[in-house]
Structures are given as structure tokens and as C-alpha cells.
Amino acid sequence: MSKNRFEQVSEPADDAMTLCLKRDGEKNYGIISCPRSATEGRLPKDYTSDELPLKEAISSAIKLANDFKAPLVVMDPDGLWQTEWGELYRDDES
């Protein structure tokens, strides 16, 4: 079975849902943001979640991306990504 692949980005994308993984002291969390434009009108307005525990943020982001048929990218400035969640890669062409 192949693992999910997610593009790692340095800033939120205008054309995709973005999962941002963050560390604040001892607290690790994720925030999901999605511009309405990334969902071709399926989302009534831009969306930003509250802080969520990492695993909940990842599973919620994947579910939302699938539900709204939106691409999903990941910001991970603090290096919190774990390989069990899938492959995180950078697009060297951008």
C-alpha cells in the first residue's frame, strides 16, 4: 500500500488547503486554513481552524481536502512531521 504524499511549502497556498504544524514551547498543534478559491466554490468562505492536536489536525485536513476536493499542502517550520503520516516532499521547481 502506498503512503500519502504531501508537498511541503514555506507559506500558505492560495490554491490549496494548508496544514501548518507548529510548536509553542512544549505544545505541538496544527492549524488548517483553506481559501474559498481552493475549493472552486464548495466552501462558502475562507476557513481557518482552531489549534488542534497534531494527529487530529492531520486527519481533519485530509478529510476536509477530500470532502472539498481541494489540494492539501503542509507547512512544517518546526520539523514536527512524522514519516508514519506519509511522505513530505518539496517541489524544487517552485
C-alpha atoms as a PDB file:
ATOM      1  CA  MET A   1       0.000   0.000   0.000  1.00  0.00           C
ATOM      2  CA  SER A   2       1.459   3.375  -0.969  1.00  0.00           C
ATOM      3  CA  LYS A   3       1.810   6.197   1.514  1.00  0.00           C
ATOM      4  CA  ASN A   4       0.177   9.576   1.089  1.00  0.00           C
ATOM      5  CA  ARG A   5       2.454  12.285  -0.315  1.00  0.00           C
ATOM      6  CA  PHE A   6       2.201  15.909   0.740  1.00  0.00           C
ATOM      7  CA  GLU A   7       4.036  18.885  -0.688  1.00  0.00           C
ATOM      8  CA  GLN A   8       5.880  20.946   1.910  1.00  0.00           C
ATOM      9  CA  VAL A   9       5.596  24.706   1.413  1.00  0.00           C
ATOM     10  CA  SER A  10       7.071  27.748   3.149  1.00  0.00           C
ATOM     11  CA  GLU A  11       3.903  29.843   3.153  1.00  0.00           C
ATOM     12  CA  PRO A  12       0.164  29.236   2.840  1.00  0.00           C
ATOM     13  CA  ALA A  13      -1.019  28.455  -0.676  1.00  0.00           C
ATOM     14  CA  ASP A  14      -3.697  30.485  -2.459  1.00  0.00           C
ATOM     15  CA  ASP A  15      -4.841  27.472  -4.455  1.00  0.00           C
ATOM     16  CA  ALA A  16      -4.741  24.728  -1.798  1.00  0.00           C
ATOM     17  CA  MET A  17      -5.705  23.856   1.741  1.00  0.00           C
ATOM     18  CA  THR A  18      -2.720  24.375   4.053  1.00  0.00           C
ATOM     19  CA  LEU A  19      -1.949  22.377   7.189  1.00  0.00           C
ATOM     20  CA  CYS A  20       0.512  24.289   9.380  1.00  0.00           C
ATOM     21  CA  LEU A  21       2.279  22.283  12.081  1.00  0.00           C
ATOM     22  CA  LYS A  22       3.574  24.403  14.955  1.00  0.00           C
ATOM     23  CA  ARG A  23       5.413  24.151  18.260  1.00  0.00           C
ATOM     24  CA  ASP A  24       4.849  26.643  21.076  1.00  0.00           C
ATOM     25  CA  GLY A  25       7.082  25.664  23.982  1.00  0.00           C
ATOM     26  CA  GLU A  26       6.039  22.124  24.887  1.00  0.00           C
ATOM     27  CA  LYS A  27       2.768  22.352  22.931  1.00  0.00           C
ATOM     28  CA  ASN A  28       2.564  20.898  19.401  1.00  0.00           C
ATOM     29  CA  TYR A  29      -0.505  21.620  17.293  1.00  0.00           C
ATOM     30  CA  GLY A  30      -1.813  22.069  13.777  1.00  0.00           C
ATOM     31  CA  ILE A  31      -3.943  24.728  12.131  1.00  0.00           C
ATOM     32  CA  ILE A  32      -5.863  24.124   8.914  1.00  0.00           C
ATOM     33  CA  SER A  33      -6.529  27.025   6.574  1.00  0.00           C
ATOM     34  CA  CYS A  34      -8.316  26.980   3.266  1.00  0.00           C
ATOM     35  CA  PRO A  35      -9.159  29.865   0.972  1.00  0.00           C
ATOM     36  CA  ARG A  36     -12.597  29.587  -0.602  1.00  0.00           C
ATOM     37  CA  SER A  37     -10.928  29.794  -4.018  1.00  0.00           C
ATOM     38  CA  ALA A  38      -9.144  26.462  -3.452  1.00  0.00           C
ATOM     39  CA  THR A  39     -12.483  24.632  -3.329  1.00  0.00           C
ATOM     40  CA  GLU A  40     -13.987  26.009  -6.556  1.00  0.00           C
ATOM     41  CA  GLY A  41     -16.863  27.492  -4.554  1.00  0.00           C
ATOM     42  CA  ARG A  42     -17.644  24.382  -2.490  1.00  0.00           C
ATOM     43  CA  LEU A  43     -16.655  26.267   0.684  1.00  0.00           C
ATOM     44  CA  PRO A  44     -18.833  29.359   1.335  1.00  0.00           C
ATOM     45  CA  LYS A  45     -15.948  31.454   2.776  1.00  0.00           C
ATOM     46  CA  ASP A  46     -12.267  31.234   3.718  1.00  0.00           C
ATOM     47  CA  TYR A  47     -11.713  28.788   6.582  1.00  0.00           C
ATOM     48  CA  THR A  48      -9.173  28.654   9.423  1.00  0.00           C
ATOM     49  CA  SER A  49      -9.427  26.084  12.209  1.00  0.00           C
ATOM     50  CA  ASP A  50      -8.616  26.494  15.855  1.00  0.00           C
ATOM     51  CA  GLU A  51      -5.419  24.897  17.161  1.00  0.00           C
ATOM     52  CA  LEU A  52      -5.814  21.111  17.011  1.00  0.00           C
ATOM     53  CA  PRO A  53      -3.674  18.272  18.396  1.00  0.00           C
ATOM     54  CA  LEU A  54      -1.293  17.119  15.632  1.00  0.00           C
ATOM     55  CA  LYS A  55      -2.921  13.803  14.753  1.00  0.00           C
ATOM     56  CA  GLU A  56      -6.397  15.363  14.790  1.00  0.00           C
ATOM     57  CA  ALA A  57      -5.185  18.231  12.600  1.00  0.00           C
ATOM     58  CA  ILE A  58      -3.698  15.849  10.050  1.00  0.00           C
ATOM     59  CA  SER A  59      -6.715  13.549   9.851  1.00  0.00           C
ATOM     60  CA  SER A  60      -9.113  16.521   9.743  1.00  0.00           C
ATOM     61  CA  ALA A  61      -7.100  18.232   6.997  1.00  0.00           C
ATOM     62  CA  ILE A  62      -7.107  15.081   4.870  1.00  0.00           C
ATOM     63  CA  LYS A  63     -10.850  14.602   5.380  1.00  0.00           C
ATOM     64  CA  LEU A  64     -11.633  18.243   4.553  1.00  0.00           C
ATOM     65  CA  ALA A  65      -9.380  18.190   1.481  1.00  0.00           C
ATOM     66  CA  ASN A  66     -11.158  15.064   0.239  1.00  0.00           C
ATOM     67  CA  ASP A  67     -14.626  16.435   1.057  1.00  0.00           C
ATOM     68  CA  PHE A  68     -13.975  19.743  -0.732  1.00  0.00           C
ATOM     69  CA  LYS A  69     -11.827  18.177  -3.481  1.00  0.00           C
ATOM     70  CA  ALA A  70      -9.041  20.627  -2.641  1.00  0.00           C
ATOM     71  CA  PRO A  71      -5.292  20.010  -2.830  1.00  0.00           C
ATOM     72  CA  LEU A  72      -3.522  19.842   0.545  1.00  0.00           C
ATOM     73  CA  VAL A  73      -0.047  21.212   1.310  1.00  0.00           C
ATOM     74  CA  VAL A  74       1.909  21.247   4.576  1.00  0.00           C
ATOM     75  CA  MET A  75       3.905  23.951   6.351  1.00  0.00           C
ATOM     76  CA  ASP A  76       6.266  22.441   8.916  1.00  0.00           C
ATOM     77  CA  PRO A  77       8.675  25.140  10.103  1.00  0.00           C
ATOM     78  CA  ASP A  78       9.371  23.316  13.380  1.00  0.00           C
ATOM     79  CA  GLY A  79      10.096  19.876  11.863  1.00  0.00           C
ATOM     80  CA  LEU A  80       7.190  18.061  13.516  1.00  0.00           C
ATOM     81  CA  TRP A  81       6.248  15.804  10.562  1.00  0.00           C
ATOM     82  CA  GLN A  82       6.466  12.070  11.271  1.00  0.00           C
ATOM     83  CA  THR A  83       7.054   9.548   8.480  1.00  0.00           C
ATOM     84  CA  GLU A  84       4.133   7.391   9.673  1.00  0.00           C
ATOM     85  CA  TRP A  85       1.814  10.155   8.368  1.00  0.00           C
ATOM     86  CA  GLY A  86       3.159   9.832   4.824  1.00  0.00           C
ATOM     87  CA  GLU A  87       5.855  11.348   2.663  1.00  0.00           C
ATOM     88  CA  LEU A  88       6.587  15.064   2.891  1.00  0.00           C
ATOM     89  CA  TYR A  89       8.418  16.459  -0.153  1.00  0.00           C
ATOM     90  CA  ARG A  90       9.414  19.838  -1.598  1.00  0.00           C
ATOM     91  CA  ASP A  91       8.742  20.779  -5.202  1.00  0.00           C
ATOM     92  CA  ASP A  92      12.158  22.000  -6.338  1.00  0.00           C
ATOM     93  CA  GLU A  93      10.668  23.623  -9.417  1.00  0.00           C
ATOM     94  CA  SER A  94       8.808  26.329  -7.475  1.00  0.00           C
END
